[in-house]
Amino acid sequence: MNKVQKQFLVSLFPEVRFSEILANHCTFRIGGPADAFIEIKKLDARSRKNLTSLFKFLNKSNIPFFVLGGGSNVLFNDKGFRGVVVKITANEISIKSNQQNWLEASAGVNFQFLTKHANEKGFQNLLQFAGIPGTLGGAVRGNAGANGIEIKDVLISAKILNTKTGAIKTFTNKQLKFTYRNSYIKKNPHLIVLSAKLKLQKFSKKEAEEKSELIAKLSNRRKETQPWGLSAGSFFKNPNPSNHPTLTPDQFKAGYLIDQCGLKGTRIDGAIISEKHANFFQNLNDPLNPATQKDILALATKARKAVYKKFKIRLEEEVQIVPHSPKSPKKFKK
């Protein structure tokens, strides 16, 4: 990125930071410097106009970019990112109560804060999302789910920015074509979630008490079965049971399959497959031997090959793997 290009970025976003370390912006705590890092704290009319101008400039200048949410489901390269990282942290929330209760929130809202906020306002139906990390935008993009519910079950619509055309369009639930941990947005990286509208529901006092008890049990179970530490949560998606009718539902957990291959506790340099949950790959945060993207991917490749050899099941990563340069191949064997 040359001096003139940097000056243009500064003219649009004076707070732009150059050579920002990406490890500080993801839960893996892995990643080198980005050429430029822009944080979007508001999504008002002016900010949206500047965003449109930014992507028009990046496309015209052939400068790669990556849009970041909460950083809970991403693995950066140790050499960083040769381009511009745009992090959306805008966190406006609006709740409407009429014949149909709903809330609209910016993509950068912390998803756990959002569920608690709705609950405090008397709407309990989002509590089942307890434990999902990251932002609303990331949750919509990946159709996040937990405890028997997914974003597709509550989403009404989402405002999407097309980085190729600069157009902002409202997509309905149906148009987003949600599937398990996937969506039309995820399949089309040039689309960015700006905000989303979710259905809200009030429960009776009895239903609310029952729901609270259930969520507390699920939360305790999550704490008991999932490890603390630096990771991106579940690394692989759970396989589709319909493709393997001979296995039981309990066997269709990526963690179970990796565990059956005897890989819990497997370590490669500064990274390890958790001894508590085999689908959690962790950065041991050892200052003398820091984990790298290469370490994590080596563990993932080992797990993928072992599961296929034993069960003939191909695991698909849930974590987004970001290369040093978008033009370089992803070093992850399938």
Foldseek 3Di string as FASTA:
>chain_A
DDPVVVVVVCVLAVPKDAFDFCLVQALQSAAGGERIEAEAQADDPSSLVSLLVVLVVCVVVVFDEAEDERRLFAAYFNNHARGYYYYYQHWDKDWDDDPFTKMKTWFRHWLQVVQVVLVVVQFNPSLQQPPDTITNQLQLAQQDGGDPDTQLVWFAWFWKAQSVNSDIDIGGSVRQPDDHRHTVCNVPVSIGTGMTMTTTDHDDPVVNVVVVVVSVVVVVVCPQQPDDARWSPQFWDFDDCVVPVVDDPVCRDLQNLLVVLVQAQPFDFQWGQHNRTRRTIHRNPDPVTTDGPVRSLVSVQVSQVSSCVVPVDGIDTSGHYHYRYPVDDDPHDD
